[in-house]
Amino acid sequence: MTISMTKHTLKKLETLAKELGYKVRYEKGNFQSGYCLVEHQRVAIVNKFFDTEGRINVLLDILSQYRTSEGERKPVLDDTSTKLWKDLRPFLGIKEDEEE
């Protein structure tokens, strides 16, 4: 699978991340992008100075680490996000049984 590095793809990844329970924030500063847990909430912080390709790569890296916690309800995704997530999982190295 190839990922097109466009603003449209970035928007789809942002929507997917939000539906998976991440709050996506763009902040300025000299830091490595990534995500953290703040009071049991997933927060993805992306350097606002990154270009579209950099933002997409950071979101893909964050999504590759996504797993539901034990007892956590499976997120409800819209049709577009469901298809994108299914297409991305092998690309991100997430096996079918790892997500659940």
PDB file of N, CA and C in Angstrom:
ATOM      1  N   MET A   1       0.843  -1.180   0.000  1.00  0.00           N
ATOM      2  CA  MET A   1       0.000   0.000   0.000  1.00  0.00           C
ATOM      3  C   MET A   1       0.888   1.242   0.000  1.00  0.00           C
ATOM      4  N   THR A   2       0.518   2.210  -0.787  1.00  0.00           N
ATOM      5  CA  THR A   2       1.228   3.477  -0.774  1.00  0.00           C
ATOM      6  C   THR A   2       0.284   4.548  -0.227  1.00  0.00           C
ATOM      7  N   ILE A   3       0.867   5.481   0.456  1.00  0.00           N
ATOM      8  CA  ILE A   3       0.100   6.571   1.045  1.00  0.00           C
ATOM      9  C   ILE A   3       0.435   7.838   0.275  1.00  0.00           C
ATOM     10  N   SER A   4      -0.593   8.513  -0.235  1.00  0.00           N
ATOM     11  CA  SER A   4      -0.333   9.783  -0.921  1.00  0.00           C
ATOM     12  C   SER A   4      -0.169  10.869   0.139  1.00  0.00           C
ATOM     13  N   MET A   5       0.831  11.682  -0.029  1.00  0.00           N
ATOM     14  CA  MET A   5       1.172  12.711   0.955  1.00  0.00           C
ATOM     15  C   MET A   5       0.456  14.019   0.607  1.00  0.00           C
ATOM     16  N   THR A   6      -0.867  14.000   0.729  1.00  0.00           N
ATOM     17  CA  THR A   6      -1.676  15.166   0.388  1.00  0.00           C
ATOM     18  C   THR A   6      -2.437  15.655   1.615  1.00  0.00           C
ATOM     19  N   LYS A   7      -2.937  16.872   1.513  1.00  0.00           N
ATOM     20  CA  LYS A   7      -3.736  17.426   2.612  1.00  0.00           C
ATOM     21  C   LYS A   7      -5.013  16.612   2.823  1.00  0.00           C
ATOM     22  N   HIS A   8      -5.540  16.053   1.744  1.00  0.00           N
ATOM     23  CA  HIS A   8      -6.736  15.217   1.850  1.00  0.00           C
ATOM     24  C   HIS A   8      -6.446  13.967   2.700  1.00  0.00           C
ATOM     25  N   THR A   9      -5.312  13.333   2.467  1.00  0.00           N
ATOM     26  CA  THR A   9      -4.909  12.168   3.259  1.00  0.00           C
ATOM     27  C   THR A   9      -4.699  12.577   4.712  1.00  0.00           C
ATOM     28  N   LEU A  10      -4.078  13.718   4.935  1.00  0.00           N
ATOM     29  CA  LEU A  10      -3.858  14.214   6.287  1.00  0.00           C
ATOM     30  C   LEU A  10      -5.191  14.390   7.001  1.00  0.00           C
ATOM     31  N   LYS A  11      -6.162  14.968   6.335  1.00  0.00           N
ATOM     32  CA  LYS A  11      -7.487  15.181   6.929  1.00  0.00           C
ATOM     33  C   LYS A  11      -8.133  13.840   7.296  1.00  0.00           C
ATOM     34  N   LYS A  12      -8.015  12.841   6.409  1.00  0.00           N
ATOM     35  CA  LYS A  12      -8.587  11.520   6.693  1.00  0.00           C
ATOM     36  C   LYS A  12      -7.901  10.882   7.902  1.00  0.00           C
ATOM     37  N   LEU A  13      -6.579  11.031   8.011  1.00  0.00           N
ATOM     38  CA  LEU A  13      -5.848  10.479   9.153  1.00  0.00           C
ATOM     39  C   LEU A  13      -6.213  11.195  10.445  1.00  0.00           C
ATOM     40  N   GLU A  14      -6.399  12.516  10.386  1.00  0.00           N
ATOM     41  CA  GLU A  14      -6.821  13.270  11.567  1.00  0.00           C
ATOM     42  C   GLU A  14      -8.195  12.793  12.039  1.00  0.00           C
ATOM     43  N   THR A  15      -9.103  12.595  11.095  1.00  0.00           N
ATOM     44  CA  THR A  15     -10.444  12.115  11.441  1.00  0.00           C
ATOM     45  C   THR A  15     -10.373  10.724  12.052  1.00  0.00           C
ATOM     46  N   LEU A  16      -9.587   9.839  11.454  1.00  0.00           N
ATOM     47  CA  LEU A  16      -9.425   8.486  11.982  1.00  0.00           C
ATOM     48  C   LEU A  16      -8.867   8.532  13.402  1.00  0.00           C
ATOM     49  N   ALA A  17      -7.833   9.334  13.618  1.00  0.00           N
ATOM     50  CA  ALA A  17      -7.225   9.436  14.943  1.00  0.00           C
ATOM     51  C   ALA A  17      -8.248   9.909  15.974  1.00  0.00           C
ATOM     52  N   LYS A  18      -9.042  10.897  15.611  1.00  0.00           N
ATOM     53  CA  LYS A  18     -10.069  11.398  16.530  1.00  0.00           C
ATOM     54  C   LYS A  18     -11.096  10.326  16.843  1.00  0.00           C
ATOM     55  N   GLU A  19     -11.510   9.569  15.828  1.00  0.00           N
ATOM     56  CA  GLU A  19     -12.493   8.509  16.047  1.00  0.00           C
ATOM     57  C   GLU A  19     -11.917   7.362  16.882  1.00  0.00           C
ATOM     58  N   LEU A  20     -10.598   7.192  16.854  1.00  0.00           N
ATOM     59  CA  LEU A  20      -9.949   6.171  17.676  1.00  0.00           C
ATOM     60  C   LEU A  20      -9.686   6.673  19.098  1.00  0.00           C
ATOM     61  N   GLY A  21     -10.051   7.911  19.372  1.00  0.00           N
ATOM     62  CA  GLY A  21      -9.947   8.432  20.727  1.00  0.00           C
ATOM     63  C   GLY A  21      -8.788   9.369  20.994  1.00  0.00           C
ATOM     64  N   TYR A  22      -8.084   9.792  19.954  1.00  0.00           N
ATOM     65  CA  TYR A  22      -6.980  10.733  20.122  1.00  0.00           C
ATOM     66  C   TYR A  22      -7.478  12.164  19.970  1.00  0.00           C
ATOM     67  N   LYS A  23      -6.928  13.055  20.759  1.00  0.00           N
ATOM     68  CA  LYS A  23      -7.120  14.478  20.543  1.00  0.00           C
ATOM     69  C   LYS A  23      -5.862  14.934  19.811  1.00  0.00           C
ATOM     70  N   VAL A  24      -6.011  15.405  18.577  1.00  0.00           N
ATOM     71  CA  VAL A  24      -4.870  15.803  17.763  1.00  0.00           C
ATOM     72  C   VAL A  24      -4.658  17.301  17.938  1.00  0.00           C
ATOM     73  N   ARG A  25      -3.436  17.662  18.353  1.00  0.00           N
ATOM     74  CA  ARG A  25      -3.084  19.064  18.545  1.00  0.00           C
ATOM     75  C   ARG A  25      -1.827  19.395  17.759  1.00  0.00           C
ATOM     76  N   TYR A  26      -1.807  20.579  17.172  1.00  0.00           N
ATOM     77  CA  TYR A  26      -0.626  21.081  16.480  1.00  0.00           C
ATOM     78  C   TYR A  26      -0.051  22.212  17.327  1.00  0.00           C
ATOM     79  N   GLU A  27       1.173  22.022  17.784  1.00  0.00           N
ATOM     80  CA  GLU A  27       1.827  22.988  18.665  1.00  0.00           C
ATOM     81  C   GLU A  27       3.166  23.383  18.072  1.00  0.00           C
ATOM     82  N   LYS A  28       3.614  24.582  18.393  1.00  0.00           N
ATOM     83  CA  LYS A  28       4.930  25.007  17.904  1.00  0.00           C
ATOM     84  C   LYS A  28       5.964  24.798  19.001  1.00  0.00           C
ATOM     85  N   GLY A  29       7.169  24.552  18.568  1.00  0.00           N
ATOM     86  CA  GLY A  29       8.245  24.353  19.520  1.00  0.00           C
ATOM     87  C   GLY A  29       9.296  23.421  18.966  1.00  0.00           C
ATOM     88  N   ASN A  30      10.362  23.295  19.713  1.00  0.00           N
ATOM     89  CA  ASN A  30      11.461  22.421  19.326  1.00  0.00           C
ATOM     90  C   ASN A  30      11.311  21.110  20.088  1.00  0.00           C
ATOM     91  N   PHE A  31      10.504  20.198  19.564  1.00  0.00           N
ATOM     92  CA  PHE A  31      10.240  18.943  20.239  1.00  0.00           C
ATOM     93  C   PHE A  31       9.960  17.848  19.229  1.00  0.00           C
ATOM     94  N   GLN A  32      10.067  16.622  19.691  1.00  0.00           N
ATOM     95  CA  GLN A  32       9.703  15.471  18.874  1.00  0.00           C
ATOM     96  C   GLN A  32       8.192  15.296  18.968  1.00  0.00           C
ATOM     97  N   SER A  33       7.543  15.056  17.854  1.00  0.00           N
ATOM     98  CA  SER A  33       6.103  14.821  17.870  1.00  0.00           C
ATOM     99  C   SER A  33       5.827  13.441  18.417  1.00  0.00           C
ATOM    100  N   GLY A  34       4.625  13.247  18.865  1.00  0.00           N
ATOM    101  CA  GLY A  34       4.250  11.953  19.383  1.00  0.00           C
ATOM    102  C   GLY A  34       2.927  12.049  20.101  1.00  0.00           C
ATOM    103  N   TYR A  35       2.710  11.111  21.006  1.00  0.00           N
ATOM    104  CA  TYR A  35       1.476  11.182  21.758  1.00  0.00           C
ATOM    105  C   TYR A  35       1.767  10.877  23.213  1.00  0.00           C
ATOM    106  N   CYS A  36       0.845  11.280  24.053  1.00  0.00           N
ATOM    107  CA  CYS A  36       0.988  11.009  25.476  1.00  0.00           C
ATOM    108  C   CYS A  36      -0.391  10.768  26.065  1.00  0.00           C
ATOM    109  N   LEU A  37      -0.411  10.225  27.265  1.00  0.00           N
ATOM    110  CA  LEU A  37      -1.661  10.040  27.986  1.00  0.00           C
ATOM    111  C   LEU A  37      -1.747  11.112  29.052  1.00  0.00           C
ATOM    112  N   VAL A  38      -2.807  11.890  29.009  1.00  0.00           N
ATOM    113  CA  VAL A  38      -3.046  12.924  30.005  1.00  0.00           C
ATOM    114  C   VAL A  38      -4.369  12.584  30.671  1.00  0.00           C
ATOM    115  N   GLU A  39      -4.274  12.184  31.929  1.00  0.00           N
ATOM    116  CA  GLU A  39      -5.474  11.782  32.667  1.00  0.00           C
ATOM    117  C   GLU A  39      -6.311  10.796  31.853  1.00  0.00           C
ATOM    118  N   HIS A  40      -5.667   9.765  31.366  1.00  0.00           N
ATOM    119  CA  HIS A  40      -6.307   8.664  30.630  1.00  0.00           C
ATOM    120  C   HIS A  40      -6.909   9.092  29.293  1.00  0.00           C
ATOM    121  N   GLN A  41      -6.456  10.213  28.748  1.00  0.00           N
ATOM    122  CA  GLN A  41      -6.888  10.638  27.423  1.00  0.00           C
ATOM    123  C   GLN A  41      -5.690  10.555  26.488  1.00  0.00           C
ATOM    124  N   ARG A  42      -5.926  10.105  25.267  1.00  0.00           N
ATOM    125  CA  ARG A  42      -4.856  10.039  24.267  1.00  0.00           C
ATOM    126  C   ARG A  42      -4.730  11.399  23.601  1.00  0.00           C
ATOM    127  N   VAL A  43      -3.551  11.965  23.668  1.00  0.00           N
ATOM    128  CA  VAL A  43      -3.305  13.262  23.049  1.00  0.00           C
ATOM    129  C   VAL A  43      -2.142  13.103  22.069  1.00  0.00           C
ATOM    130  N   ALA A  44      -2.397  13.417  20.810  1.00  0.00           N
ATOM    131  CA  ALA A  44      -1.353  13.386  19.779  1.00  0.00           C
ATOM    132  C   ALA A  44      -0.908  14.817  19.541  1.00  0.00           C
ATOM    133  N   ILE A  45       0.368  15.079  19.784  1.00  0.00           N
ATOM    134  CA  ILE A  45       0.894  16.422  19.597  1.00  0.00           C
ATOM    135  C   ILE A  45       1.855  16.391  18.412  1.00  0.00           C
ATOM    136  N   VAL A  46       1.557  17.226  17.424  1.00  0.00           N
ATOM    137  CA  VAL A  46       2.336  17.278  16.193  1.00  0.00           C
ATOM    138  C   VAL A  46       2.939  18.675  16.073  1.00  0.00           C
ATOM    139  N   ASN A  47       4.203  18.727  15.699  1.00  0.00           N
ATOM    140  CA  ASN A  47       4.866  20.012  15.518  1.00  0.00           C
ATOM    141  C   ASN A  47       4.182  20.775  14.385  1.00  0.00           C
ATOM    142  N   LYS A  48       3.694  21.961  14.696  1.00  0.00           N
ATOM    143  CA  LYS A  48       2.930  22.726  13.715  1.00  0.00           C
ATOM    144  C   LYS A  48       3.793  23.209  12.544  1.00  0.00           C
ATOM    145  N   PHE A  49       5.119  23.163  12.689  1.00  0.00           N
ATOM    146  CA  PHE A  49       6.009  23.593  11.615  1.00  0.00           C
ATOM    147  C   PHE A  49       6.313  22.466  10.620  1.00  0.00           C
ATOM    148  N   PHE A  50       5.842  21.244  10.889  1.00  0.00           N
ATOM    149  CA  PHE A  50       6.034  20.146   9.948  1.00  0.00           C
ATOM    150  C   PHE A  50       5.207  20.403   8.699  1.00  0.00           C
ATOM    151  N   ASP A  51       5.735  19.976   7.556  1.00  0.00           N
ATOM    152  CA  ASP A  51       4.957  20.051   6.327  1.00  0.00           C
ATOM    153  C   ASP A  51       3.943  18.911   6.308  1.00  0.00           C
ATOM    154  N   THR A  52       3.145  18.856   5.260  1.00  0.00           N
ATOM    155  CA  THR A  52       2.086  17.840   5.170  1.00  0.00           C
ATOM    156  C   THR A  52       2.647  16.428   5.292  1.00  0.00           C
ATOM    157  N   GLU A  53       3.733  16.144   4.596  1.00  0.00           N
ATOM    158  CA  GLU A  53       4.328  14.806   4.651  1.00  0.00           C
ATOM    159  C   GLU A  53       4.797  14.476   6.069  1.00  0.00           C
ATOM    160  N   GLY A  54       5.412  15.416   6.743  1.00  0.00           N
ATOM    161  CA  GLY A  54       5.866  15.196   8.114  1.00  0.00           C
ATOM    162  C   GLY A  54       4.709  14.935   9.053  1.00  0.00           C
ATOM    163  N   ARG A  55       3.630  15.679   8.888  1.00  0.00           N
ATOM    164  CA  ARG A  55       2.435  15.485   9.729  1.00  0.00           C
ATOM    165  C   ARG A  55       1.826  14.106   9.499  1.00  0.00           C
ATOM    166  N   ILE A  56       1.752  13.698   8.234  1.00  0.00           N
ATOM    167  CA  ILE A  56       1.207  12.378   7.909  1.00  0.00           C
ATOM    168  C   ILE A  56       2.076  11.288   8.535  1.00  0.00           C
ATOM    169  N   ASN A  57       3.388  11.407   8.404  1.00  0.00           N
ATOM    170  CA  ASN A  57       4.281  10.396   8.967  1.00  0.00           C
ATOM    171  C   ASN A  57       4.155  10.294  10.483  1.00  0.00           C
ATOM    172  N   VAL A  58       3.999  11.434  11.156  1.00  0.00           N
ATOM    173  CA  VAL A  58       3.825  11.416  12.609  1.00  0.00           C
ATOM    174  C   VAL A  58       2.517  10.725  12.976  1.00  0.00           C
ATOM    175  N   LEU A  59       1.436  11.061  12.291  1.00  0.00           N
ATOM    176  CA  LEU A  59       0.150  10.429  12.593  1.00  0.00           C
ATOM    177  C   LEU A  59       0.190   8.926  12.308  1.00  0.00           C
ATOM    178  N   LEU A  60       0.859   8.530  11.232  1.00  0.00           N
ATOM    179  CA  LEU A  60       0.993   7.095  10.949  1.00  0.00           C
ATOM    180  C   LEU A  60       1.775   6.398  12.058  1.00  0.00           C
ATOM    181  N   ASP A  61       2.829   7.039  12.547  1.00  0.00           N
ATOM    182  CA  ASP A  61       3.617   6.469  13.642  1.00  0.00           C
ATOM    183  C   ASP A  61       2.768   6.322  14.901  1.00  0.00           C
ATOM    184  N   ILE A  62       1.991   7.334  15.213  1.00  0.00           N
ATOM    185  CA  ILE A  62       1.126   7.297  16.391  1.00  0.00           C
ATOM    186  C   ILE A  62       0.071   6.199  16.224  1.00  0.00           C
ATOM    187  N   LEU A  63      -0.556   6.139  15.062  1.00  0.00           N
ATOM    188  CA  LEU A  63      -1.596   5.131  14.823  1.00  0.00           C
ATOM    189  C   LEU A  63      -1.036   3.712  14.856  1.00  0.00           C
ATOM    190  N   SER A  64       0.242   3.550  14.495  1.00  0.00           N
ATOM    191  CA  SER A  64       0.836   2.209  14.516  1.00  0.00           C
ATOM    192  C   SER A  64       0.949   1.675  15.945  1.00  0.00           C
ATOM    193  N   GLN A  65       0.894   2.552  16.932  1.00  0.00           N
ATOM    194  CA  GLN A  65       0.989   2.151  18.330  1.00  0.00           C
ATOM    195  C   GLN A  65      -0.383   1.958  18.982  1.00  0.00           C
ATOM    196  N   TYR A  66      -1.449   2.195  18.219  1.00  0.00           N
ATOM    197  CA  TYR A  66      -2.802   2.108  18.778  1.00  0.00           C
ATOM    198  C   TYR A  66      -3.186   0.668  19.106  1.00  0.00           C
ATOM    199  N   ARG A  67      -3.651   0.475  20.296  1.00  0.00           N
ATOM    200  CA  ARG A  67      -4.244  -0.787  20.734  1.00  0.00           C
ATOM    201  C   ARG A  67      -5.351  -0.427  21.715  1.00  0.00           C
ATOM    202  N   THR A  68      -6.435  -1.180  21.717  1.00  0.00           N
ATOM    203  CA  THR A  68      -7.458  -0.945  22.727  1.00  0.00           C
ATOM    204  C   THR A  68      -7.005  -1.593  24.023  1.00  0.00           C
ATOM    205  N   SER A  69      -7.266  -0.917  25.112  1.00  0.00           N
ATOM    206  CA  SER A  69      -6.917  -1.447  26.429  1.00  0.00           C
ATOM    207  C   SER A  69      -7.959  -2.465  26.856  1.00  0.00           C
ATOM    208  N   GLU A  70      -7.559  -3.328  27.765  1.00  0.00           N
ATOM    209  CA  GLU A  70      -8.498  -4.318  28.280  1.00  0.00           C
ATOM    210  C   GLU A  70      -9.660  -3.596  28.950  1.00  0.00           C
ATOM    211  N   GLY A  71     -10.863  -3.973  28.604  1.00  0.00           N
ATOM    212  CA  GLY A  71     -12.055  -3.356  29.157  1.00  0.00           C
ATOM    213  C   GLY A  71     -12.495  -2.094  28.415  1.00  0.00           C
ATOM    214  N   GLU A  72     -11.677  -1.626  27.501  1.00  0.00           N
ATOM    215  CA  GLU A  72     -12.018  -0.437  26.724  1.00  0.00           C
ATOM    216  C   GLU A  72     -12.952  -0.829  25.588  1.00  0.00           C
ATOM    217  N   ARG A  73     -13.955  -0.016  25.369  1.00  0.00           N
ATOM    218  CA  ARG A  73     -14.881  -0.296  24.270  1.00  0.00           C
ATOM    219  C   ARG A  73     -14.211  -0.023  22.939  1.00  0.00           C
ATOM    220  N   LYS A  74     -14.546  -0.857  21.977  1.00  0.00           N
ATOM    221  CA  LYS A  74     -14.024  -0.685  20.629  1.00  0.00           C
ATOM    222  C   LYS A  74     -14.634   0.590  20.039  1.00  0.00           C
ATOM    223  N   PRO A  75     -13.819   1.433  19.404  1.00  0.00           N
ATOM    224  CA  PRO A  75     -14.354   2.697  18.871  1.00  0.00           C
ATOM    225  C   PRO A  75     -15.317   2.467  17.716  1.00  0.00           C
ATOM    226  N   VAL A  76     -16.258   3.391  17.579  1.00  0.00           N
ATOM    227  CA  VAL A  76     -17.195   3.347  16.464  1.00  0.00           C
ATOM    228  C   VAL A  76     -16.660   4.277  15.387  1.00  0.00           C
ATOM    229  N   LEU A  77     -16.354   3.696  14.236  1.00  0.00           N
ATOM    230  CA  LEU A  77     -15.783   4.459  13.123  1.00  0.00           C
ATOM    231  C   LEU A  77     -16.823   4.616  12.026  1.00  0.00           C
ATOM    232  N   ASP A  78     -16.785   5.749  11.331  1.00  0.00           N
ATOM    233  CA  ASP A  78     -17.667   5.885  10.177  1.00  0.00           C
ATOM    234  C   ASP A  78     -17.127   5.014   9.038  1.00  0.00           C
ATOM    235  N   ASP A  79     -17.874   4.903   7.963  1.00  0.00           N
ATOM    236  CA  ASP A  79     -17.501   3.986   6.871  1.00  0.00           C
ATOM    237  C   ASP A  79     -16.136   4.315   6.259  1.00  0.00           C
ATOM    238  N   THR A  80     -15.870   5.599   6.046  1.00  0.00           N
ATOM    239  CA  THR A  80     -14.592   6.004   5.448  1.00  0.00           C
ATOM    240  C   THR A  80     -13.433   5.639   6.366  1.00  0.00           C
ATOM    241  N   SER A  81     -13.578   5.921   7.659  1.00  0.00           N
ATOM    242  CA  SER A  81     -12.515   5.614   8.615  1.00  0.00           C
ATOM    243  C   SER A  81     -12.336   4.111   8.784  1.00  0.00           C
ATOM    244  N   THR A  82     -13.425   3.354   8.750  1.00  0.00           N
ATOM    245  CA  THR A  82     -13.338   1.900   8.866  1.00  0.00           C
ATOM    246  C   THR A  82     -12.516   1.327   7.719  1.00  0.00           C
ATOM    247  N   LYS A  83     -12.803   1.779   6.494  1.00  0.00           N
ATOM    248  CA  LYS A  83     -12.052   1.295   5.335  1.00  0.00           C
ATOM    249  C   LYS A  83     -10.581   1.701   5.442  1.00  0.00           C
ATOM    250  N   LEU A  84     -10.325   2.956   5.800  1.00  0.00           N
ATOM    251  CA  LEU A  84      -8.953   3.433   5.934  1.00  0.00           C
ATOM    252  C   LEU A  84      -8.208   2.636   6.995  1.00  0.00           C
ATOM    253  N   TRP A  85      -8.830   2.394   8.130  1.00  0.00           N
ATOM    254  CA  TRP A  85      -8.192   1.650   9.224  1.00  0.00           C
ATOM    255  C   TRP A  85      -7.864   0.221   8.798  1.00  0.00           C
ATOM    256  N   LYS A  86      -8.800  -0.428   8.107  1.00  0.00           N
ATOM    257  CA  LYS A  86      -8.544  -1.794   7.626  1.00  0.00           C
ATOM    258  C   LYS A  86      -7.403  -1.823   6.613  1.00  0.00           C
ATOM    259  N   ASP A  87      -7.334  -0.808   5.755  1.00  0.00           N
ATOM    260  CA  ASP A  87      -6.257  -0.730   4.769  1.00  0.00           C
ATOM    261  C   ASP A  87      -4.911  -0.423   5.424  1.00  0.00           C
ATOM    262  N   LEU A  88      -4.928   0.386   6.471  1.00  0.00           N
ATOM    263  CA  LEU A  88      -3.689   0.811   7.120  1.00  0.00           C
ATOM    264  C   LEU A  88      -3.082  -0.236   8.045  1.00  0.00           C
ATOM    265  N   ARG A  89      -3.902  -1.058   8.679  1.00  0.00           N
ATOM    266  CA  ARG A  89      -3.393  -1.997   9.692  1.00  0.00           C
ATOM    267  C   ARG A  89      -2.228  -2.847   9.199  1.00  0.00           C
ATOM    268  N   PRO A  90      -2.307  -3.501   8.041  1.00  0.00           N
ATOM    269  CA  PRO A  90      -1.142  -4.276   7.580  1.00  0.00           C
ATOM    270  C   PRO A  90       0.069  -3.379   7.304  1.00  0.00           C
ATOM    271  N   PHE A  91      -0.175  -2.200   6.753  1.00  0.00           N
ATOM    272  CA  PHE A  91       0.884  -1.237   6.467  1.00  0.00           C
ATOM    273  C   PHE A  91       1.584  -0.794   7.755  1.00  0.00           C
ATOM    274  N   LEU A  92       0.806  -0.677   8.838  1.00  0.00           N
ATOM    275  CA  LEU A  92       1.341  -0.239  10.123  1.00  0.00           C
ATOM    276  C   LEU A  92       1.882  -1.397  10.960  1.00  0.00           C
ATOM    277  N   GLY A  93       1.693  -2.625  10.469  1.00  0.00           N
ATOM    278  CA  GLY A  93       2.194  -3.789  11.197  1.00  0.00           C
ATOM    279  C   GLY A  93       1.282  -4.235  12.327  1.00  0.00           C
ATOM    280  N   ILE A  94       0.004  -3.879  12.246  1.00  0.00           N
ATOM    281  CA  ILE A  94      -0.963  -4.273  13.274  1.00  0.00           C
ATOM    282  C   ILE A  94      -1.699  -5.507  12.779  1.00  0.00           C
ATOM    283  N   LYS A  95      -1.596  -6.579  13.551  1.00  0.00           N
ATOM    284  CA  LYS A  95      -2.294  -7.804  13.191  1.00  0.00           C
ATOM    285  C   LYS A  95      -3.743  -7.706  13.654  1.00  0.00           C
ATOM    286  N   GLU A  96      -4.586  -8.483  13.011  1.00  0.00           N
ATOM    287  CA  GLU A  96      -6.021  -8.488  13.305  1.00  0.00           C
ATOM    288  C   GLU A  96      -6.296  -8.725  14.784  1.00  0.00           C
ATOM    289  N   ASP A  97      -5.594  -9.690  15.392  1.00  0.00           N
ATOM    290  CA  ASP A  97      -5.858 -10.044  16.784  1.00  0.00           C
ATOM    291  C   ASP A  97      -5.211  -9.078  17.780  1.00  0.00           C
ATOM    292  N   GLU A  98      -4.287  -8.243  17.354  1.00  0.00           N
ATOM    293  CA  GLU A  98      -3.624  -7.303  18.255  1.00  0.00           C
ATOM    294  C   GLU A  98      -4.531  -6.145  18.640  1.00  0.00           C
ATOM    295  N   GLU A  99      -5.431  -5.773  17.751  1.00  0.00           N
ATOM    296  CA  GLU A  99      -6.254  -4.612  17.997  1.00  0.00           C
ATOM    297  C   GLU A  99      -7.266  -4.860  19.089  1.00  0.00           C
ATOM    298  N   GLU A 100      -7.779  -6.049  19.176  1.00  0.00           N
ATOM    299  CA  GLU A 100      -8.877  -6.338  20.099  1.00  0.00           C
ATOM    300  C   GLU A 100      -8.397  -6.533  21.507  1.00  0.00           C
TER     301      GLU A 100
END
